[in-house]
Amino acid sequence: MALLADFHIHSCLSPCGSLDLSPKFIAELAYRRGINVLALTDHNSSLNCPAFSKACYNKGIIPIFGLEATTQEEIHVLCLFTSLDACMSFSEYAYSIIFPFPNDPEKSGDQVYVDEDDNIEGEVEYYLISPLDITIDNIGAKVAEYNGIVIPAHADRFAFSMTSQLGVMIHGPWAAVECTRLPPMIDNKPMDTLGYPLTTSSDAHYPEHIARRPFKLEISTEELAPNGLLQEADLNALVKALEKRPKS
C-alpha cells in the first residue's frame, strides 16, 4: 500500500505565505486532496506545529513536524521530525542562531502563529527568511542530535537550492533530495542526484499550491503510525520508506 505525502508546506507563519494558510485550513485542504502524510515546514520556525498536530489528527492525516532551514550559504533544507517535542526544541535552537534582522510586516509580510481554532497567539520578531548561523556541512548532524532527518529542498531550482548556491549536489546525511520534477533537469540536462532517493512536494505558499506535487511512500498507515495518530510516527519506518523512492 502506498501513502500520498507532501513534505513542504508553509503556513501563515512564513512571511511569504498566505495568511489564509492556518494549520487547520492546511489540514482540511490536504484531506480534500487525498494527502495521507503531511509535513509543515515554515521558514526557520515550527511555532505552528502544535496546532498542526491537532488539525492533522482531526482529519486522519499522519503529521510530520518540521521547518525549512536556511543555511549560511542560503541553501534551503527541510528538517523533519516525527516527535513534536523534538521539533519544537530544534525550532528554538534555530531561532537562537538566526540573523537578528527585525521583520517589517508591511514590507515583508506577517509572521503569525495560531492555535487550533485559528486564533492568533503571537507574531515572530525576527525575519524568518534570514539565514541561520549553520553551514550545509553541519546542519544534518545538528538535526540528528534532535532525532530528525534532513532533505535538501528544491535541489533543481535556480534559487535557494544546493545546485544554485554551490553549483553541484554534494554528499551529506540526506534522507532524500527534493526536486520540483522527476527526473530532475538543470539547463535542460539531467541533474546528478548522487544516488539519493528523490521526492517532490508542493512548496505551498498559497491554498492552490497544497498537494500540487505529492509523492508516494511505499508504506502502510499501520507501519508508519503503529501506535495511532495520537502518538508520533515511526521515524525509522519513514526513513526506510524514503529509501524505496526513485533515485533518478
Protein backbone atom coordinates (compact mmCIF):
# COMPACT_ATOMS: atom_id res chain seq x y z
CA MET A 1 0.00 0.00 0.00
CA ALA A 2 1.24 3.49 -0.83
CA LEU A 3 0.54 6.66 1.12
CA LEU A 4 0.38 10.04 -0.61
CA ALA A 5 2.73 12.56 1.02
CA ASP A 6 3.52 16.27 0.85
CA PHE A 7 6.55 17.31 2.92
CA HIS A 8 6.89 21.01 2.06
CA ILE A 9 4.12 23.31 3.28
CA HIS A 10 4.25 26.89 4.52
CA SER A 11 1.63 28.42 6.79
CA CYS A 12 0.70 31.93 7.89
CA LEU A 13 3.89 31.88 9.97
CA SER A 14 6.07 32.24 6.87
CA PRO A 15 6.20 35.89 5.73
CA CYS A 16 5.94 34.76 2.10
CA GLY A 17 2.91 32.58 2.84
CA SER A 18 -0.77 33.40 2.65
CA LEU A 19 -2.48 34.42 5.87
CA ASP A 20 -5.28 32.05 4.83
CA LEU A 21 -2.99 29.09 5.46
CA SER A 22 -3.66 28.33 9.09
CA PRO A 23 -2.72 24.79 10.20
CA LYS A 24 -6.43 23.93 10.38
CA PHE A 25 -7.07 25.12 6.82
CA ILE A 26 -3.95 23.35 5.54
CA ALA A 27 -5.09 20.03 7.00
CA GLU A 28 -8.57 20.50 5.53
CA LEU A 29 -7.21 21.17 2.04
CA ALA A 30 -4.75 18.29 2.24
CA TYR A 31 -7.53 15.95 3.35
CA ARG A 32 -9.73 17.02 0.43
CA ARG A 33 -6.84 16.41 -1.97
CA GLY A 34 -6.05 12.91 -0.76
CA ILE A 35 -2.91 13.52 1.28
CA ASN A 36 -2.15 10.85 3.92
CA VAL A 37 1.16 12.12 5.33
CA LEU A 38 1.79 15.85 5.68
CA ALA A 39 4.71 17.97 6.91
CA LEU A 40 4.56 21.61 7.98
CA THR A 41 7.82 23.37 7.11
CA ASP A 42 7.73 27.10 7.72
CA HIS A 43 10.89 29.13 7.29
CA ASN A 44 13.22 28.64 10.27
CA SER A 45 10.41 28.11 12.79
CA SER A 46 7.94 25.44 13.88
CA LEU A 47 5.64 27.57 16.03
CA ASN A 48 2.54 26.48 14.10
CA CYS A 49 3.31 22.77 14.53
CA PRO A 50 1.34 22.29 17.80
CA ALA A 51 -1.86 23.47 16.11
CA PHE A 52 -0.90 21.48 13.01
CA SER A 53 -0.65 18.29 15.07
CA LYS A 54 -4.23 18.65 16.30
CA ALA A 55 -5.51 19.63 12.86
CA CYS A 56 -3.98 16.56 11.23
CA TYR A 57 -5.39 14.25 13.89
CA ASN A 58 -8.87 15.64 13.28
CA LYS A 59 -8.54 14.78 9.57
CA GLY A 60 -6.90 11.38 9.94
CA ILE A 61 -3.61 12.61 8.46
CA ILE A 62 -0.22 11.44 9.77
CA PRO A 63 1.68 14.61 10.74
CA ILE A 64 5.38 15.18 10.23
CA PHE A 65 6.76 18.24 12.01
CA GLY A 66 9.48 20.46 10.66
CA LEU A 67 10.85 23.66 9.29
CA GLU A 68 12.67 24.82 6.18
CA ALA A 69 16.06 25.95 7.40
CA THR A 70 18.20 28.47 5.54
CA THR A 71 21.91 27.73 5.92
CA GLN A 72 24.76 30.26 5.83
CA GLU A 73 25.07 29.55 2.11
CA GLU A 74 21.33 30.37 1.69
CA ILE A 75 20.52 26.77 0.87
CA HIS A 76 17.04 25.67 1.92
CA VAL A 77 16.89 22.36 3.78
CA LEU A 78 13.80 20.57 5.09
CA CYS A 79 14.36 19.48 8.70
CA LEU A 80 11.77 16.85 9.61
CA PHE A 81 10.78 15.18 12.88
CA THR A 82 8.19 12.65 13.95
CA SER A 83 8.30 13.99 17.53
CA LEU A 84 6.57 17.32 18.09
CA ASP A 85 8.64 17.98 21.21
CA ALA A 86 11.90 17.35 19.36
CA CYS A 87 10.79 19.60 16.53
CA MET A 88 9.91 22.43 18.89
CA SER A 89 13.26 22.10 20.64
CA PHE A 90 15.10 22.31 17.33
CA SER A 91 12.95 25.28 16.34
CA GLU A 92 14.08 27.10 19.49
CA TYR A 93 17.68 26.33 18.62
CA ALA A 94 17.22 27.56 15.05
CA TYR A 95 15.72 30.85 16.20
CA SER A 96 18.65 31.33 18.59
CA ILE A 97 21.09 31.33 15.64
CA ILE A 98 19.04 33.28 13.10
CA PHE A 99 20.41 36.57 11.76
CA PRO A 100 18.61 39.05 14.07
CA PHE A 101 17.01 41.25 11.42
CA PRO A 102 13.62 42.60 12.60
CA ASN A 103 10.65 41.76 10.41
CA ASP A 104 8.60 44.60 8.95
CA PRO A 105 5.14 43.11 8.29
CA GLU A 106 4.15 45.93 5.93
CA LYS A 107 7.15 45.30 3.71
CA SER A 108 7.93 41.61 4.18
CA GLY A 109 4.69 40.01 5.34
CA ASP A 110 3.16 38.84 8.60
CA GLN A 111 4.71 36.06 10.69
CA VAL A 112 1.89 34.87 12.94
CA TYR A 113 1.38 31.63 14.82
CA VAL A 114 -2.05 30.45 15.84
CA ASP A 115 -3.90 27.95 17.99
CA GLU A 116 -6.03 25.05 16.80
CA ASP A 117 -9.03 27.38 16.31
CA ASP A 118 -7.07 29.90 14.19
CA ASN A 119 -6.76 32.45 17.00
CA ILE A 120 -3.51 34.42 16.70
CA GLU A 121 -1.22 33.64 19.63
CA GLY A 122 1.71 35.84 18.64
CA GLU A 123 4.00 37.18 15.95
CA VAL A 124 7.68 36.42 15.42
CA GLU A 125 10.08 39.34 15.78
CA TYR A 126 12.99 38.38 13.51
CA TYR A 127 12.59 38.00 9.75
CA LEU A 128 12.27 34.25 9.30
CA ILE A 129 13.76 34.04 5.81
CA SER A 130 17.11 35.26 7.16
CA PRO A 131 19.90 32.66 7.22
CA LEU A 132 20.86 30.63 10.26
CA ASP A 133 24.41 30.57 11.57
CA ILE A 134 25.00 27.00 10.45
CA THR A 135 26.53 25.59 7.27
CA ILE A 136 25.22 22.95 4.89
CA ASP A 137 28.05 20.68 6.09
CA ASN A 138 26.84 20.84 9.70
CA ILE A 139 23.06 21.03 9.57
CA GLY A 140 22.47 17.31 9.06
CA ALA A 141 24.44 16.32 12.15
CA LYS A 142 22.72 19.03 14.20
CA VAL A 143 19.24 17.88 13.19
CA ALA A 144 20.25 14.29 14.00
CA GLU A 145 21.03 15.42 17.56
CA TYR A 146 17.31 16.17 17.85
CA ASN A 147 16.39 12.82 16.23
CA GLY A 148 15.36 14.35 12.92
CA ILE A 149 16.21 13.92 9.24
CA VAL A 150 17.18 16.38 6.53
CA ILE A 151 16.12 16.71 2.90
CA PRO A 152 17.72 19.42 0.71
CA ALA A 153 14.83 21.41 -0.76
CA HIS A 154 14.01 22.00 -4.45
CA ALA A 155 17.50 20.92 -5.48
CA ASP A 156 16.83 21.56 -9.17
CA ARG A 157 15.62 25.13 -8.69
CA PHE A 158 17.55 28.25 -9.68
CA ALA A 159 17.39 29.89 -6.24
CA PHE A 160 17.98 28.86 -2.61
CA SER A 161 18.97 25.33 -3.62
CA MET A 162 22.15 23.33 -3.29
CA THR A 163 22.81 23.50 -7.03
CA SER A 164 22.08 27.22 -7.31
CA GLN A 165 24.35 28.13 -4.39
CA LEU A 166 27.15 25.58 -4.81
CA GLY A 167 26.85 24.67 -8.49
CA VAL A 168 26.53 20.94 -7.75
CA MET A 169 24.95 18.47 -5.37
CA ILE A 170 27.21 17.44 -2.50
CA HIS A 171 27.17 14.34 -0.36
CA GLY A 172 25.66 14.51 3.11
CA PRO A 173 23.35 12.72 5.53
CA TRP A 174 20.35 13.35 3.29
CA ALA A 175 17.35 11.06 3.83
CA ALA A 176 16.22 12.15 0.36
CA VAL A 177 16.56 15.05 -2.07
CA GLU A 178 13.53 17.13 -3.01
CA CYS A 179 13.12 18.18 -6.65
CA THR A 180 10.44 20.13 -8.44
CA ARG A 181 10.02 17.39 -11.04
CA LEU A 182 11.19 13.89 -11.83
CA PRO A 183 13.52 13.23 -13.49
CA PRO A 184 15.22 16.46 -12.34
CA MET A 185 16.77 18.64 -15.02
CA ILE A 186 19.07 21.67 -14.89
CA ASP A 187 19.60 23.73 -18.04
CA ASN A 188 17.76 21.00 -19.94
CA LYS A 189 20.32 18.44 -18.81
CA PRO A 190 19.83 15.56 -16.37
CA MET A 191 20.80 16.55 -12.85
CA ASP A 192 23.34 14.41 -10.99
CA THR A 193 21.46 13.44 -7.83
CA LEU A 194 24.33 11.31 -6.45
CA GLY A 195 22.06 8.32 -5.99
CA TYR A 196 19.89 9.76 -3.21
CA PRO A 197 16.17 8.94 -3.02
CA LEU A 198 14.12 11.65 -4.68
CA THR A 199 10.88 13.30 -3.62
CA THR A 200 8.65 16.04 -4.92
CA SER A 201 6.49 18.29 -2.75
CA SER A 202 4.29 21.31 -3.19
CA ASP A 203 6.39 24.05 -1.53
CA ALA A 204 2.95 25.52 -0.87
CA HIS A 205 2.65 29.21 -0.03
CA TYR A 206 -1.00 29.64 -1.11
CA PRO A 207 -4.09 27.42 -0.85
CA GLU A 208 -3.98 26.42 -4.52
CA HIS A 209 -0.46 25.02 -4.03
CA ILE A 210 -1.39 22.38 -1.46
CA ALA A 211 -0.75 18.87 -2.88
CA ARG A 212 0.30 20.14 -6.31
CA ARG A 213 3.39 17.85 -6.35
CA PRO A 214 2.76 15.00 -3.90
CA PHE A 215 4.82 11.82 -3.85
CA LYS A 216 4.14 8.23 -2.86
CA LEU A 217 5.58 6.44 0.15
CA GLU A 218 5.54 2.65 -0.11
CA ILE A 219 4.33 2.04 3.42
CA SER A 220 1.04 1.44 5.19
CA THR A 221 -0.58 3.63 7.82
CA GLU A 222 -0.12 0.83 10.37
CA GLU A 223 3.61 0.66 9.63
CA LEU A 224 4.21 4.41 9.73
CA ALA A 225 1.93 5.12 12.70
CA PRO A 226 1.83 1.82 14.60
CA ASN A 227 0.54 3.43 17.81
CA GLY A 228 -2.14 5.56 16.16
CA LEU A 229 -2.31 9.20 15.12
CA LEU A 230 -2.17 10.48 18.70
CA GLN A 231 1.37 9.07 19.03
CA GLU A 232 4.41 10.05 16.99
CA ALA A 233 5.08 8.30 13.71
CA ASP A 234 7.91 5.80 13.42
CA LEU A 235 10.99 7.69 12.19
CA ASN A 236 12.88 4.54 11.18
CA ALA A 237 9.90 3.33 9.15
CA LEU A 238 9.74 6.73 7.45
CA VAL A 239 13.43 6.59 6.53
CA LYS A 240 13.05 3.06 5.14
CA ALA A 241 10.06 4.16 3.05
CA LEU A 242 12.06 7.10 1.67
CA GLU A 243 14.87 4.71 0.72
CA LYS A 244 12.44 2.99 -1.66
CA ARG A 245 11.89 6.20 -3.65
CA PRO A 246 13.30 6.54 -7.20
CA LYS A 247 16.91 7.69 -7.37
CA SER A 248 16.87 9.26 -10.82
